[in-house]
Amino acid sequence: MRYIDGETVHQLLDYPGLVEALRRAHRGAMPNSSHMLLDEPGGGENKFVSLVGWKRDELIAVKLVGVFPSNLSRKPPQPSVQGVVAVFNAVTGSPELVADGAAMTFRKTAADSALGASLLARSDAQTLLIVGAGGLAPHVLAAHRAVRPSLNRVMIWNRTAERAERLAAEASASGLSVTAVRDLDAAVAEADVISCVTMSAKPLVRGALLKPGAHLDLIGAYRPDMRETDDDALRRAEIFVDTRAGMEGAGDLVQPVERGVIGWDAVRADLFELIKGQRPGRISDEQITLFKNVGGGHLDLFTAQHLAERYRSTEAAT
């Protein structure tokens, strides 16, 4: 059994290749999957997540990760997401490889949202706003630019301004125009694509400020008590998800549904339906689109399958 460390995961799972691998995978059927989220005993902000995806006669992928938000403030800092992804042969049940869970989660999550943007964001989008400056933020930047190379201006906002400034300086080193901003409302009003990567419990993005043609990508708010945008965004936008399975646990959807702001029928399509052409995505340049990144074991399976293929081809070449 092989172990693939984080550095190797990042090298093998380049965003153009991974996004296309996810696109191909969504042309098939939804694999069997399960999801378990455990709260820290006795209360607290920490969580432990177990996701399983099973593709008959091909592979089984199991992700085991802890989500510990305060790790970033430790000295020295540690990633807030840590764990492993294990891949098993679905014919014999034998283990084949284990990969770094944080790297796999970053790559899978960013590529999932980028796939959504490739279907829903305007093709001429130029300004990207990233809300949040944690470990996932630079991956979201790279993934969105992989599918929308027209994005030539990037703004980053974070509650702790110093983190946004640090990330902007690092990203600017490649020659891209990246700036840290302090006025979130003003940035929202300017952006063509807005990607939220936060642990916020209260809405950050005001839907009334979204300009015509904007695309809003919501990655956080994975629990019912979390929010990244307000009800106005849900009222104004055409709503899409990566998967309908488990969307009832996403705060940005379940809260407005429970209050009668929208119904579940407001969700127009998921990635399977969009990629198979069963339902339309963006239909005009003026349309505002909202994509909720729900996640799920099937996405970890798709990502692990692509990793295994890339790893085998790399080994064969050497």
Protein backbone atom coordinates (compact mmCIF):
# COMPACT_ATOMS: atom_id res chain seq x y z
CA MET A 1 0.00 0.00 0.00
CA ARG A 2 1.33 3.42 -0.97
CA TYR A 3 1.25 6.67 1.01
CA ILE A 4 0.97 9.89 -1.01
CA ASP A 5 2.01 12.96 0.96
CA GLY A 6 0.49 16.40 0.65
CA GLU A 7 3.17 17.82 -1.62
CA THR A 8 2.73 14.96 -4.08
CA VAL A 9 -1.06 15.30 -3.98
CA HIS A 10 -0.76 18.98 -4.94
CA GLN A 11 1.67 18.14 -7.75
CA LEU A 12 -0.49 15.40 -9.24
CA LEU A 13 -3.87 17.11 -8.91
CA ASP A 14 -3.38 20.21 -11.05
CA TYR A 15 -6.63 22.12 -11.35
CA PRO A 16 -7.20 21.93 -15.11
CA GLY A 17 -6.82 18.15 -14.98
CA LEU A 18 -8.83 17.64 -11.79
CA VAL A 19 -11.73 19.83 -12.91
CA GLU A 20 -11.98 17.87 -16.15
CA ALA A 21 -11.79 14.59 -14.24
CA LEU A 22 -14.71 15.72 -12.08
CA ARG A 23 -16.61 16.79 -15.18
CA ARG A 24 -16.18 13.34 -16.74
CA ALA A 25 -17.16 11.60 -13.51
CA HIS A 26 -20.42 13.56 -13.32
CA ARG A 27 -21.47 12.16 -16.68
CA GLY A 28 -21.98 8.83 -14.93
CA ALA A 29 -24.21 7.78 -12.07
CA MET A 30 -24.02 9.04 -8.51
CA PRO A 31 -21.96 6.51 -6.50
CA ASN A 32 -23.18 5.19 -3.18
CA SER A 33 -21.93 7.47 -0.42
CA SER A 34 -22.38 8.22 3.26
CA HIS A 35 -21.47 11.12 5.50
CA MET A 36 -21.02 11.27 9.27
CA LEU A 37 -20.25 14.47 11.21
CA LEU A 38 -19.37 14.14 14.91
CA ASP A 39 -19.35 17.08 17.33
CA GLU A 40 -16.63 17.42 19.91
CA PRO A 41 -17.66 15.61 23.11
CA GLY A 42 -18.82 18.05 25.77
CA GLY A 43 -19.34 20.86 23.29
CA GLY A 44 -16.85 22.98 21.38
CA GLU A 45 -16.15 24.05 17.83
CA ASN A 46 -14.18 21.01 16.70
CA LYS A 47 -15.67 18.38 14.38
CA PHE A 48 -14.67 15.02 12.98
CA VAL A 49 -15.91 14.00 9.57
CA SER A 50 -16.11 10.58 7.95
CA LEU A 51 -17.14 10.25 4.29
CA VAL A 52 -17.36 7.06 2.26
CA GLY A 53 -17.85 6.70 -1.49
CA TRP A 54 -18.24 3.32 -3.23
CA LYS A 55 -18.05 2.78 -6.98
CA ARG A 56 -18.94 -0.83 -7.69
CA ASP A 57 -16.13 -2.98 -9.11
CA GLU A 58 -13.76 0.02 -9.17
CA LEU A 59 -12.85 1.59 -5.85
CA ILE A 60 -13.95 2.64 -2.39
CA ALA A 61 -12.72 5.95 -0.97
CA VAL A 62 -12.90 6.75 2.74
CA LYS A 63 -12.03 10.22 4.07
CA LEU A 64 -11.34 10.72 7.78
CA VAL A 65 -10.62 14.32 8.76
CA GLY A 66 -10.78 16.56 11.78
CA VAL A 67 -11.92 20.17 11.43
CA PHE A 68 -10.28 22.19 14.21
CA PRO A 69 -10.71 25.93 13.43
CA SER A 70 -8.51 27.20 16.28
CA ASN A 71 -5.47 25.35 14.90
CA LEU A 72 -4.60 28.41 12.82
CA SER A 73 -4.02 30.44 15.98
CA ARG A 74 -1.75 27.86 17.60
CA LYS A 75 1.97 28.51 17.91
CA PRO A 76 3.19 27.27 15.55
CA PRO A 77 -0.02 27.27 13.43
CA GLN A 78 -1.44 23.97 12.23
CA PRO A 79 -3.91 23.32 9.39
CA SER A 80 -7.54 23.50 10.50
CA VAL A 81 -8.29 20.39 8.40
CA GLN A 82 -6.13 17.29 8.89
CA GLY A 83 -6.63 13.62 8.14
CA VAL A 84 -6.31 10.96 5.47
CA VAL A 85 -8.10 9.57 2.44
CA ALA A 86 -7.84 5.80 2.03
CA VAL A 87 -8.53 4.04 -1.28
CA PHE A 88 -9.61 0.39 -1.45
CA ASN A 89 -10.05 -2.02 -4.34
CA ALA A 90 -13.81 -2.45 -4.74
CA VAL A 91 -13.44 -6.00 -6.13
CA THR A 92 -11.29 -7.49 -3.36
CA GLY A 93 -11.62 -4.89 -0.59
CA SER A 94 -7.84 -4.62 -0.32
CA PRO A 95 -6.27 -1.23 0.56
CA GLU A 96 -4.36 0.39 -2.32
CA LEU A 97 -3.22 3.81 -1.14
CA VAL A 98 -3.53 6.43 1.56
CA ALA A 99 -3.23 10.13 0.79
CA ASP A 100 -2.91 13.29 2.86
CA GLY A 101 -6.46 14.33 3.79
CA ALA A 102 -5.89 18.09 4.01
CA ALA A 103 -4.35 18.30 0.54
CA MET A 104 -7.09 16.09 -0.91
CA THR A 105 -9.79 18.20 0.74
CA PHE A 106 -8.33 21.48 -0.52
CA ARG A 107 -8.00 20.18 -4.06
CA LYS A 108 -11.41 18.48 -4.19
CA THR A 109 -13.27 21.43 -2.69
CA ALA A 110 -11.66 24.07 -4.89
CA ALA A 111 -12.08 21.98 -8.06
CA ASP A 112 -15.74 21.32 -7.21
CA SER A 113 -16.48 25.05 -7.02
CA ALA A 114 -14.41 25.71 -10.13
CA LEU A 115 -16.44 23.13 -12.03
CA GLY A 116 -19.57 24.98 -10.94
CA ALA A 117 -18.08 28.29 -12.09
CA SER A 118 -17.13 26.79 -15.46
CA LEU A 119 -20.83 26.09 -16.03
CA LEU A 120 -22.38 29.13 -14.37
CA ALA A 121 -20.01 32.13 -14.28
CA ARG A 122 -19.91 34.50 -17.24
CA SER A 123 -17.20 33.56 -19.71
CA ASP A 124 -15.88 37.14 -19.68
CA ALA A 125 -15.72 37.49 -15.87
CA GLN A 126 -12.76 39.63 -14.87
CA THR A 127 -12.95 40.40 -11.13
CA LEU A 128 -12.80 37.69 -8.47
CA LEU A 129 -13.54 38.38 -4.80
CA ILE A 130 -12.49 35.79 -2.24
CA VAL A 131 -14.18 36.13 1.14
CA GLY A 132 -11.93 34.45 3.69
CA ALA A 133 -8.16 34.00 3.80
CA GLY A 134 -7.67 30.57 5.34
CA GLY A 135 -5.86 27.57 3.90
CA LEU A 136 -8.44 26.93 1.18
CA ALA A 137 -8.42 30.49 -0.21
CA PRO A 138 -5.30 30.24 -2.45
CA HIS A 139 -6.63 26.99 -3.90
CA VAL A 140 -9.96 28.61 -4.72
CA LEU A 141 -8.09 31.43 -6.45
CA ALA A 142 -6.05 29.01 -8.56
CA ALA A 143 -9.00 26.75 -9.39
CA HIS A 144 -11.30 29.58 -10.49
CA ARG A 145 -8.60 31.06 -12.69
CA ALA A 146 -8.02 27.64 -14.24
CA VAL A 147 -11.58 27.62 -15.60
CA ARG A 148 -11.95 31.40 -16.08
CA PRO A 149 -8.55 32.71 -17.22
CA SER A 150 -10.28 36.03 -17.95
CA LEU A 151 -10.18 36.69 -14.17
CA ASN A 152 -7.34 39.20 -14.09
CA ARG A 153 -8.14 41.08 -10.90
CA VAL A 154 -8.50 39.50 -7.46
CA MET A 155 -9.70 41.02 -4.21
CA ILE A 156 -9.40 39.27 -0.84
CA TRP A 157 -11.40 40.15 2.27
CA ASN A 158 -11.00 38.61 5.69
CA ARG A 159 -12.24 39.54 9.16
CA THR A 160 -8.59 39.65 10.25
CA ALA A 161 -7.24 42.08 7.68
CA GLU A 162 -3.63 41.03 8.20
CA ARG A 163 -4.37 37.54 6.87
CA ALA A 164 -5.93 38.98 3.72
CA GLU A 165 -2.92 41.25 3.23
CA ARG A 166 -0.52 38.36 3.68
CA LEU A 167 -2.36 36.16 1.17
CA ALA A 168 -2.62 39.03 -1.31
CA ALA A 169 1.13 39.60 -1.11
CA GLU A 170 1.84 35.90 -1.67
CA ALA A 171 -0.55 35.66 -4.62
CA SER A 172 0.77 38.87 -6.19
CA ALA A 173 4.23 37.32 -6.40
CA SER A 174 3.09 35.52 -9.57
CA GLY A 175 2.39 38.82 -11.29
CA LEU A 176 -1.39 38.70 -10.83
CA SER A 177 -3.19 41.82 -9.60
CA VAL A 178 -4.28 40.83 -6.07
CA THR A 179 -5.30 43.29 -3.36
CA ALA A 180 -6.59 42.97 0.18
CA VAL A 181 -9.77 44.98 0.75
CA ARG A 182 -11.43 46.17 3.96
CA ASP A 183 -14.80 47.30 2.61
CA LEU A 184 -16.60 44.04 1.86
CA ASP A 185 -19.80 45.68 0.60
CA ALA A 186 -17.91 47.76 -1.96
CA ALA A 187 -15.99 44.71 -3.14
CA VAL A 188 -19.17 42.64 -3.50
CA ALA A 189 -20.70 45.34 -5.70
CA GLU A 190 -17.68 45.22 -8.06
CA ALA A 191 -17.06 41.48 -8.33
CA ASP A 192 -18.03 39.23 -11.22
CA VAL A 193 -17.30 36.07 -9.21
CA ILE A 194 -17.48 35.90 -5.42
CA SER A 195 -16.17 32.81 -3.62
CA CYS A 196 -16.82 32.48 0.12
CA VAL A 197 -14.50 30.24 2.13
CA THR A 198 -15.36 31.03 5.76
CA MET A 199 -16.61 29.52 9.00
CA SER A 200 -19.13 32.32 9.44
CA ALA A 201 -22.31 31.85 11.46
CA LYS A 202 -23.81 35.11 10.15
CA PRO A 203 -24.32 36.36 6.56
CA LEU A 204 -21.37 38.23 5.10
CA VAL A 205 -22.36 38.85 1.46
CA ARG A 206 -25.35 41.15 0.98
CA GLY A 207 -27.42 39.92 -1.93
CA ALA A 208 -28.79 43.38 -2.72
CA LEU A 209 -25.28 44.42 -3.74
CA LEU A 210 -24.69 41.66 -6.30
CA LYS A 211 -24.38 43.17 -9.74
CA PRO A 212 -26.21 41.75 -12.77
CA GLY A 213 -24.33 38.73 -14.13
CA ALA A 214 -22.51 37.97 -10.88
CA HIS A 215 -21.74 34.41 -9.80
CA LEU A 216 -21.75 33.63 -6.05
CA ASP A 217 -19.87 30.53 -4.91
CA LEU A 218 -20.60 29.42 -1.32
CA ILE A 219 -18.17 26.90 0.14
CA GLY A 220 -18.53 27.36 3.92
CA ALA A 221 -21.76 27.07 5.93
CA TYR A 222 -21.62 23.28 5.94
CA ARG A 223 -23.79 23.18 9.07
CA PRO A 224 -27.43 24.33 9.42
CA ASP A 225 -26.43 27.10 11.88
CA MET A 226 -23.90 28.73 9.53
CA ARG A 227 -24.42 31.39 6.84
CA GLU A 228 -22.25 33.18 4.28
CA THR A 229 -24.92 35.17 2.43
CA ASP A 230 -28.31 36.66 3.23
CA ASP A 231 -31.86 35.98 2.08
CA ASP A 232 -31.70 38.68 -0.60
CA ALA A 233 -29.07 36.64 -2.47
CA LEU A 234 -31.33 33.60 -2.43
CA ARG A 235 -34.25 35.69 -3.71
CA ARG A 236 -32.29 37.32 -6.53
CA ALA A 237 -30.19 34.41 -7.77
CA GLU A 238 -30.80 31.24 -9.73
CA ILE A 239 -29.69 28.58 -7.25
CA PHE A 240 -27.55 25.54 -8.09
CA VAL A 241 -25.76 22.91 -5.99
CA ASP A 242 -23.01 20.39 -6.61
CA THR A 243 -25.27 17.63 -5.25
CA ARG A 244 -28.79 17.50 -3.89
CA ALA A 245 -27.75 14.77 -1.44
CA GLY A 246 -27.09 16.46 1.89
CA MET A 247 -28.03 19.99 0.83
CA GLU A 248 -30.56 20.08 3.69
CA GLY A 249 -27.61 20.48 6.07
CA ALA A 250 -26.26 23.64 4.42
CA GLY A 251 -27.20 26.73 6.40
CA ASP A 252 -27.37 29.05 3.40
CA LEU A 253 -30.17 26.88 2.01
CA VAL A 254 -31.96 25.33 4.96
CA GLN A 255 -32.41 28.55 6.94
CA PRO A 256 -34.28 30.44 4.19
CA VAL A 257 -36.28 27.32 3.36
CA GLU A 258 -37.38 26.92 6.99
CA ARG A 259 -38.48 30.58 7.09
CA GLY A 260 -40.38 30.31 3.81
CA VAL A 261 -38.09 32.66 1.87
CA ILE A 262 -37.56 29.98 -0.79
CA GLY A 263 -38.65 26.37 -1.29
CA TRP A 264 -36.42 23.44 -2.13
CA ASP A 265 -37.77 23.70 -5.68
CA ALA A 266 -35.72 26.91 -5.99
CA VAL A 267 -32.64 24.69 -6.48
CA ARG A 268 -32.55 24.55 -10.28
CA ALA A 269 -30.00 21.78 -10.85
CA ASP A 270 -26.98 19.95 -9.50
CA LEU A 271 -23.73 19.18 -11.31
CA PHE A 272 -24.96 15.81 -12.58
CA GLU A 273 -27.98 17.46 -14.21
CA LEU A 274 -25.99 20.38 -15.61
CA ILE A 275 -23.21 18.28 -17.10
CA LYS A 276 -25.61 15.76 -18.63
CA GLY A 277 -27.59 18.63 -20.18
CA GLN A 278 -30.75 17.67 -18.30
CA ARG A 279 -31.26 21.19 -16.97
CA PRO A 280 -29.96 24.58 -18.10
CA GLY A 281 -27.35 26.62 -16.27
CA ARG A 282 -26.77 30.30 -16.97
CA ILE A 283 -29.17 31.51 -19.64
CA SER A 284 -28.27 35.21 -19.87
CA ASP A 285 -25.42 37.61 -19.14
CA GLU A 286 -27.62 39.49 -16.67
CA GLN A 287 -28.61 36.46 -14.61
CA ILE A 288 -27.20 36.16 -11.09
CA THR A 289 -26.16 32.60 -10.27
CA LEU A 290 -25.53 31.04 -6.86
CA PHE A 291 -23.65 27.76 -6.42
CA LYS A 292 -23.70 25.99 -3.06
CA ASN A 293 -20.74 23.68 -2.62
CA VAL A 294 -22.27 20.94 -0.44
CA GLY A 295 -19.54 18.32 -0.90
CA GLY A 296 -19.92 14.61 -0.25
CA GLY A 297 -18.18 11.27 -0.32
CA HIS A 298 -18.75 10.89 -4.05
CA LEU A 299 -16.50 13.89 -4.72
CA ASP A 300 -13.74 12.45 -2.55
CA LEU A 301 -14.13 9.21 -4.50
CA PHE A 302 -13.89 11.01 -7.87
CA THR A 303 -10.81 12.91 -6.67
CA ALA A 304 -9.18 9.79 -5.24
CA GLN A 305 -9.78 7.91 -8.48
CA HIS A 306 -8.09 10.65 -10.48
CA LEU A 307 -5.19 10.72 -8.00
CA ALA A 308 -4.72 6.95 -8.28
CA GLU A 309 -4.72 7.17 -12.08
CA ARG A 310 -2.22 10.05 -12.08
CA TYR A 311 0.00 8.25 -9.58
CA ARG A 312 0.03 5.04 -11.62
CA SER A 313 0.82 6.90 -14.84
CA THR A 314 3.65 8.78 -13.12
CA GLU A 315 5.10 5.54 -11.78
CA ALA A 316 4.87 3.91 -15.20
CA ALA A 317 6.69 6.84 -16.80
CA THR A 318 9.60 6.46 -14.40
